[in-house]
Amino acid sequence: MTLKGHVDNGVIILDEPVNLPNGTRVTIQSKVGKVKDPSGIAGSWVDDRSAEEIIKDIYGSRRSKR
């Protein structure tokens, strides 16, 4: 049996009612599409600092100001 539906807030919603007894175990197989070229959805930036300097800056900005 193949059923179609979608996910809404982490809950699977079927497109049509199904006549299965309560407690019936099911297996869900996702058909997630693949991103062909991620360059269109991701960016980059230029920074002269090293990774260590950037991480130090991030941790420094997260310290409590109490």
PDB file of N, CA and C in Angstrom:
ATOM      1  N   MET A   1       0.858  -1.175   0.000  1.00  0.00           N
ATOM      2  CA  MET A   1       0.000   0.000   0.000  1.00  0.00           C
ATOM      3  C   MET A   1       0.899   1.231   0.000  1.00  0.00           C
ATOM      4  N   THR A   2       0.646   2.167  -0.872  1.00  0.00           N
ATOM      5  CA  THR A   2       1.383   3.421  -0.924  1.00  0.00           C
ATOM      6  C   THR A   2       0.437   4.559  -0.583  1.00  0.00           C
ATOM      7  N   LEU A   3       0.826   5.371   0.382  1.00  0.00           N
ATOM      8  CA  LEU A   3       0.024   6.516   0.813  1.00  0.00           C
ATOM      9  C   LEU A   3       0.843   7.775   0.603  1.00  0.00           C
ATOM     10  N   LYS A   4       0.190   8.871   0.313  1.00  0.00           N
ATOM     11  CA  LYS A   4       0.891  10.141   0.125  1.00  0.00           C
ATOM     12  C   LYS A   4       0.444  11.128   1.190  1.00  0.00           C
ATOM     13  N   GLY A   5       1.343  12.018   1.550  1.00  0.00           N
ATOM     14  CA  GLY A   5       1.042  13.034   2.547  1.00  0.00           C
ATOM     15  C   GLY A   5       2.167  14.032   2.634  1.00  0.00           C
ATOM     16  N   HIS A   6       2.178  14.786   3.739  1.00  0.00           N
ATOM     17  CA  HIS A   6       3.217  15.789   3.955  1.00  0.00           C
ATOM     18  C   HIS A   6       3.476  15.912   5.456  1.00  0.00           C
ATOM     19  N   VAL A   7       4.545  16.608   5.795  1.00  0.00           N
ATOM     20  CA  VAL A   7       4.893  16.835   7.192  1.00  0.00           C
ATOM     21  C   VAL A   7       4.482  18.247   7.565  1.00  0.00           C
ATOM     22  N   ASP A   8       3.790  18.384   8.685  1.00  0.00           N
ATOM     23  CA  ASP A   8       3.361  19.678   9.195  1.00  0.00           C
ATOM     24  C   ASP A   8       3.773  19.776  10.652  1.00  0.00           C
ATOM     25  N   ASN A   9       4.783  20.604  10.931  1.00  0.00           N
ATOM     26  CA  ASN A   9       5.277  20.765  12.304  1.00  0.00           C
ATOM     27  C   ASN A   9       5.728  19.441  12.910  1.00  0.00           C
ATOM     28  N   GLY A  10       6.372  18.604  12.119  1.00  0.00           N
ATOM     29  CA  GLY A  10       6.897  17.343  12.618  1.00  0.00           C
ATOM     30  C   GLY A  10       5.882  16.209  12.658  1.00  0.00           C
ATOM     31  N   VAL A  11       4.652  16.439  12.198  1.00  0.00           N
ATOM     32  CA  VAL A  11       3.613  15.408  12.201  1.00  0.00           C
ATOM     33  C   VAL A  11       3.282  15.048  10.755  1.00  0.00           C
ATOM     34  N   ILE A  12       3.192  13.757  10.468  1.00  0.00           N
ATOM     35  CA  ILE A  12       2.861  13.308   9.119  1.00  0.00           C
ATOM     36  C   ILE A  12       1.346  13.370   8.946  1.00  0.00           C
ATOM     37  N   ILE A  13       0.912  14.090   7.913  1.00  0.00           N
ATOM     38  CA  ILE A  13      -0.502  14.247   7.587  1.00  0.00           C
ATOM     39  C   ILE A  13      -0.751  13.558   6.252  1.00  0.00           C
ATOM     40  N   LEU A  14      -1.627  12.565   6.246  1.00  0.00           N
ATOM     41  CA  LEU A  14      -1.938  11.873   4.998  1.00  0.00           C
ATOM     42  C   LEU A  14      -2.902  12.702   4.165  1.00  0.00           C
ATOM     43  N   ASP A  15      -2.770  12.593   2.841  1.00  0.00           N
ATOM     44  CA  ASP A  15      -3.630  13.348   1.936  1.00  0.00           C
ATOM     45  C   ASP A  15      -5.070  12.838   1.957  1.00  0.00           C
ATOM     46  N   GLU A  16      -5.241  11.537   2.189  1.00  0.00           N
ATOM     47  CA  GLU A  16      -6.576  10.945   2.202  1.00  0.00           C
ATOM     48  C   GLU A  16      -6.713  10.036   3.420  1.00  0.00           C
ATOM     49  N   PRO A  17      -7.942   9.865   3.923  1.00  0.00           N
ATOM     50  CA  PRO A  17      -8.147   8.955   5.059  1.00  0.00           C
ATOM     51  C   PRO A  17      -7.729   7.529   4.691  1.00  0.00           C
ATOM     52  N   VAL A  18      -7.305   6.767   5.685  1.00  0.00           N
ATOM     53  CA  VAL A  18      -6.884   5.387   5.449  1.00  0.00           C
ATOM     54  C   VAL A  18      -7.627   4.492   6.441  1.00  0.00           C
ATOM     55  N   ASN A  19      -8.011   3.315   5.995  1.00  0.00           N
ATOM     56  CA  ASN A  19      -8.783   2.402   6.823  1.00  0.00           C
ATOM     57  C   ASN A  19      -7.859   1.340   7.419  1.00  0.00           C
ATOM     58  N   LEU A  20      -7.112   1.718   8.449  1.00  0.00           N
ATOM     59  CA  LEU A  20      -6.237   0.795   9.151  1.00  0.00           C
ATOM     60  C   LEU A  20      -6.644   0.779  10.621  1.00  0.00           C
ATOM     61  N   PRO A  21      -6.572  -0.378  11.264  1.00  0.00           N
ATOM     62  CA  PRO A  21      -6.926  -0.437  12.682  1.00  0.00           C
ATOM     63  C   PRO A  21      -5.954   0.379  13.532  1.00  0.00           C
ATOM     64  N   ASN A  22      -6.448   0.953  14.636  1.00  0.00           N
ATOM     65  CA  ASN A  22      -5.579   1.674  15.562  1.00  0.00           C
ATOM     66  C   ASN A  22      -4.452   0.760  16.021  1.00  0.00           C
ATOM     67  N   GLY A  23      -3.270   1.315  16.131  1.00  0.00           N
ATOM     68  CA  GLY A  23      -2.106   0.551  16.580  1.00  0.00           C
ATOM     69  C   GLY A  23      -1.350  -0.137  15.458  1.00  0.00           C
ATOM     70  N   THR A  24      -1.861  -0.039  14.232  1.00  0.00           N
ATOM     71  CA  THR A  24      -1.160  -0.644  13.097  1.00  0.00           C
ATOM     72  C   THR A  24       0.190   0.032  12.922  1.00  0.00           C
ATOM     73  N   ARG A  25       1.256  -0.773  12.878  1.00  0.00           N
ATOM     74  CA  ARG A  25       2.605  -0.234  12.682  1.00  0.00           C
ATOM     75  C   ARG A  25       2.807   0.063  11.201  1.00  0.00           C
ATOM     76  N   VAL A  26       3.428   1.188  10.898  1.00  0.00           N
ATOM     77  CA  VAL A  26       3.706   1.569   9.517  1.00  0.00           C
ATOM     78  C   VAL A  26       5.162   1.995   9.396  1.00  0.00           C
ATOM     79  N   THR A  27       5.673   1.962   8.185  1.00  0.00           N
ATOM     80  CA  THR A  27       7.016   2.447   7.883  1.00  0.00           C
ATOM     81  C   THR A  27       6.874   3.606   6.910  1.00  0.00           C
ATOM     82  N   ILE A  28       7.536   4.709   7.208  1.00  0.00           N
ATOM     83  CA  ILE A  28       7.482   5.897   6.367  1.00  0.00           C
ATOM     84  C   ILE A  28       8.804   6.007   5.613  1.00  0.00           C
ATOM     85  N   GLN A  29       8.725   6.217   4.319  1.00  0.00           N
ATOM     86  CA  GLN A  29       9.921   6.413   3.507  1.00  0.00           C
ATOM     87  C   GLN A  29       9.826   7.781   2.850  1.00  0.00           C
ATOM     88  N   SER A  30      10.786   8.628   3.137  1.00  0.00           N
ATOM     89  CA  SER A  30      10.779   9.999   2.645  1.00  0.00           C
ATOM     90  C   SER A  30      11.314  10.087   1.229  1.00  0.00           C
ATOM     91  N   LYS A  31      10.747  11.010   0.455  1.00  0.00           N
ATOM     92  CA  LYS A  31      11.254  11.314  -0.885  1.00  0.00           C
ATOM     93  C   LYS A  31      11.699  12.766  -0.886  1.00  0.00           C
ATOM     94  N   VAL A  32      12.795  13.029  -0.218  1.00  0.00           N
ATOM     95  CA  VAL A  32      13.325  14.383  -0.128  1.00  0.00           C
ATOM     96  C   VAL A  32      14.118  14.679  -1.384  1.00  0.00           C
ATOM     97  N   GLY A  33      13.830  15.822  -2.005  1.00  0.00           N
ATOM     98  CA  GLY A  33      14.552  16.218  -3.213  1.00  0.00           C
ATOM     99  C   GLY A  33      15.973  16.648  -2.885  1.00  0.00           C
ATOM    100  N   LYS A  34      16.851  16.460  -3.815  1.00  0.00           N
ATOM    101  CA  LYS A  34      18.243  16.846  -3.631  1.00  0.00           C
ATOM    102  C   LYS A  34      18.476  18.233  -4.219  1.00  0.00           C
ATOM    103  N   VAL A  35      19.373  18.982  -3.583  1.00  0.00           N
ATOM    104  CA  VAL A  35      19.767  20.288  -4.102  1.00  0.00           C
ATOM    105  C   VAL A  35      20.833  20.048  -5.155  1.00  0.00           C
ATOM    106  N   LYS A  36      20.583  20.497  -6.373  1.00  0.00           N
ATOM    107  CA  LYS A  36      21.530  20.260  -7.461  1.00  0.00           C
ATOM    108  C   LYS A  36      22.790  21.107  -7.324  1.00  0.00           C
ATOM    109  N   ASP A  37      22.620  22.400  -7.055  1.00  0.00           N
ATOM    110  CA  ASP A  37      23.755  23.307  -6.946  1.00  0.00           C
ATOM    111  C   ASP A  37      23.544  24.199  -5.736  1.00  0.00           C
ATOM    112  N   PRO A  38      24.191  23.892  -4.611  1.00  0.00           N
ATOM    113  CA  PRO A  38      23.951  24.661  -3.391  1.00  0.00           C
ATOM    114  C   PRO A  38      24.485  26.089  -3.429  1.00  0.00           C
ATOM    115  N   SER A  39      25.240  26.465  -4.453  1.00  0.00           N
ATOM    116  CA  SER A  39      25.798  27.819  -4.488  1.00  0.00           C
ATOM    117  C   SER A  39      24.706  28.880  -4.570  1.00  0.00           C
ATOM    118  N   GLY A  40      23.536  28.527  -5.052  1.00  0.00           N
ATOM    119  CA  GLY A  40      22.448  29.481  -5.141  1.00  0.00           C
ATOM    120  C   GLY A  40      21.760  29.749  -3.810  1.00  0.00           C
ATOM    121  N   ILE A  41      21.980  28.868  -2.817  1.00  0.00           N
ATOM    122  CA  ILE A  41      21.322  29.050  -1.526  1.00  0.00           C
ATOM    123  C   ILE A  41      22.311  29.303  -0.393  1.00  0.00           C
ATOM    124  N   ALA A  42      23.585  29.243  -0.686  1.00  0.00           N
ATOM    125  CA  ALA A  42      24.594  29.454   0.342  1.00  0.00           C
ATOM    126  C   ALA A  42      25.529  30.578  -0.101  1.00  0.00           C
ATOM    127  N   GLY A  43      26.056  31.291   0.868  1.00  0.00           N
ATOM    128  CA  GLY A  43      26.956  32.380   0.534  1.00  0.00           C
ATOM    129  C   GLY A  43      28.288  32.232   1.238  1.00  0.00           C
ATOM    130  N   SER A  44      29.160  33.131   0.972  1.00  0.00           N
ATOM    131  CA  SER A  44      30.452  33.150   1.644  1.00  0.00           C
ATOM    132  C   SER A  44      30.832  34.597   1.896  1.00  0.00           C
ATOM    133  N   TRP A  45      31.832  34.807   2.714  1.00  0.00           N
ATOM    134  CA  TRP A  45      32.294  36.150   2.978  1.00  0.00           C
ATOM    135  C   TRP A  45      33.806  36.148   3.082  1.00  0.00           C
ATOM    136  N   VAL A  46      34.365  37.287   2.902  1.00  0.00           N
ATOM    137  CA  VAL A  46      35.805  37.429   2.988  1.00  0.00           C
ATOM    138  C   VAL A  46      36.139  37.949   4.373  1.00  0.00           C
ATOM    139  N   ASP A  47      37.077  37.299   5.026  1.00  0.00           N
ATOM    140  CA  ASP A  47      37.501  37.702   6.368  1.00  0.00           C
ATOM    141  C   ASP A  47      38.984  37.410   6.473  1.00  0.00           C
ATOM    142  N   ASP A  48      39.766  38.404   6.867  1.00  0.00           N
ATOM    143  CA  ASP A  48      41.216  38.239   6.956  1.00  0.00           C
ATOM    144  C   ASP A  48      41.660  37.498   8.208  1.00  0.00           C
ATOM    145  N   ARG A  49      40.710  37.304   9.154  1.00  0.00           N
ATOM    146  CA  ARG A  49      41.074  36.622  10.402  1.00  0.00           C
ATOM    147  C   ARG A  49      41.169  35.121  10.191  1.00  0.00           C
ATOM    148  N   SER A  50      41.958  34.469  11.057  1.00  0.00           N
ATOM    149  CA  SER A  50      42.046  33.005  11.015  1.00  0.00           C
ATOM    150  C   SER A  50      40.798  32.420  11.678  1.00  0.00           C
ATOM    151  N   ALA A  51      40.577  31.133  11.470  1.00  0.00           N
ATOM    152  CA  ALA A  51      39.427  30.463  12.091  1.00  0.00           C
ATOM    153  C   ALA A  51      39.508  30.580  13.612  1.00  0.00           C
ATOM    154  N   GLU A  52      40.703  30.450  14.170  1.00  0.00           N
ATOM    155  CA  GLU A  52      40.876  30.551  15.620  1.00  0.00           C
ATOM    156  C   GLU A  52      40.474  31.937  16.135  1.00  0.00           C
ATOM    157  N   GLU A  53      40.842  32.980  15.391  1.00  0.00           N
ATOM    158  CA  GLU A  53      40.475  34.340  15.790  1.00  0.00           C
ATOM    159  C   GLU A  53      38.960  34.549  15.736  1.00  0.00           C
ATOM    160  N   ILE A  54      38.337  34.011  14.723  1.00  0.00           N
ATOM    161  CA  ILE A  54      36.883  34.141  14.593  1.00  0.00           C
ATOM    162  C   ILE A  54      36.190  33.420  15.743  1.00  0.00           C
ATOM    163  N   ILE A  55      36.634  32.209  16.051  1.00  0.00           N
ATOM    164  CA  ILE A  55      36.041  31.439  17.149  1.00  0.00           C
ATOM    165  C   ILE A  55      36.241  32.161  18.475  1.00  0.00           C
ATOM    166  N   LYS A  56      37.433  32.706  18.703  1.00  0.00           N
ATOM    167  CA  LYS A  56      37.695  33.456  19.934  1.00  0.00           C
ATOM    168  C   LYS A  56      36.755  34.656  20.042  1.00  0.00           C
ATOM    169  N   ASP A  57      36.523  35.334  18.941  1.00  0.00           N
ATOM    170  CA  ASP A  57      35.614  36.480  18.913  1.00  0.00           C
ATOM    171  C   ASP A  57      34.182  36.053  19.233  1.00  0.00           C
ATOM    172  N   ILE A  58      33.758  34.925  18.683  1.00  0.00           N
ATOM    173  CA  ILE A  58      32.398  34.420  18.948  1.00  0.00           C
ATOM    174  C   ILE A  58      32.242  34.085  20.422  1.00  0.00           C
ATOM    175  N   TYR A  59      33.185  33.332  20.979  1.00  0.00           N
ATOM    176  CA  TYR A  59      33.090  32.979  22.391  1.00  0.00           C
ATOM    177  C   TYR A  59      33.147  34.211  23.284  1.00  0.00           C
ATOM    178  N   GLY A  60      33.972  35.184  22.916  1.00  0.00           N
ATOM    179  CA  GLY A  60      34.062  36.420  23.695  1.00  0.00           C
ATOM    180  C   GLY A  60      32.755  37.185  23.715  1.00  0.00           C
ATOM    181  N   SER A  61      32.045  37.161  22.615  1.00  0.00           N
ATOM    182  CA  SER A  61      30.775  37.902  22.541  1.00  0.00           C
ATOM    183  C   SER A  61      29.651  37.195  23.284  1.00  0.00           C
ATOM    184  N   ARG A  62      29.820  35.933  23.612  1.00  0.00           N
ATOM    185  CA  ARG A  62      28.788  35.155  24.298  1.00  0.00           C
ATOM    186  C   ARG A  62      28.925  35.180  25.807  1.00  0.00           C
ATOM    187  N   ARG A  63      29.964  35.764  26.311  1.00  0.00           N
ATOM    188  CA  ARG A  63      30.150  35.795  27.763  1.00  0.00           C
ATOM    189  C   ARG A  63      29.114  36.668  28.430  1.00  0.00           C
ATOM    190  N   SER A  64      28.735  36.268  29.621  1.00  0.00           N
ATOM    191  CA  SER A  64      27.735  37.011  30.385  1.00  0.00           C
ATOM    192  C   SER A  64      28.276  38.375  30.767  1.00  0.00           C
ATOM    193  N   LYS A  65      27.431  39.371  30.712  1.00  0.00           N
ATOM    194  CA  LYS A  65      27.834  40.746  31.040  1.00  0.00           C
ATOM    195  C   LYS A  65      27.476  41.107  32.500  1.00  0.00           C
ATOM    196  N   ARG A  66      27.251  40.112  33.347  1.00  0.00           N
ATOM    197  CA  ARG A  66      26.848  40.346  34.733  1.00  0.00           C
ATOM    198  C   ARG A  66      27.945  40.949  35.551  1.00  0.00           C
TER     199      ARG A  66
END
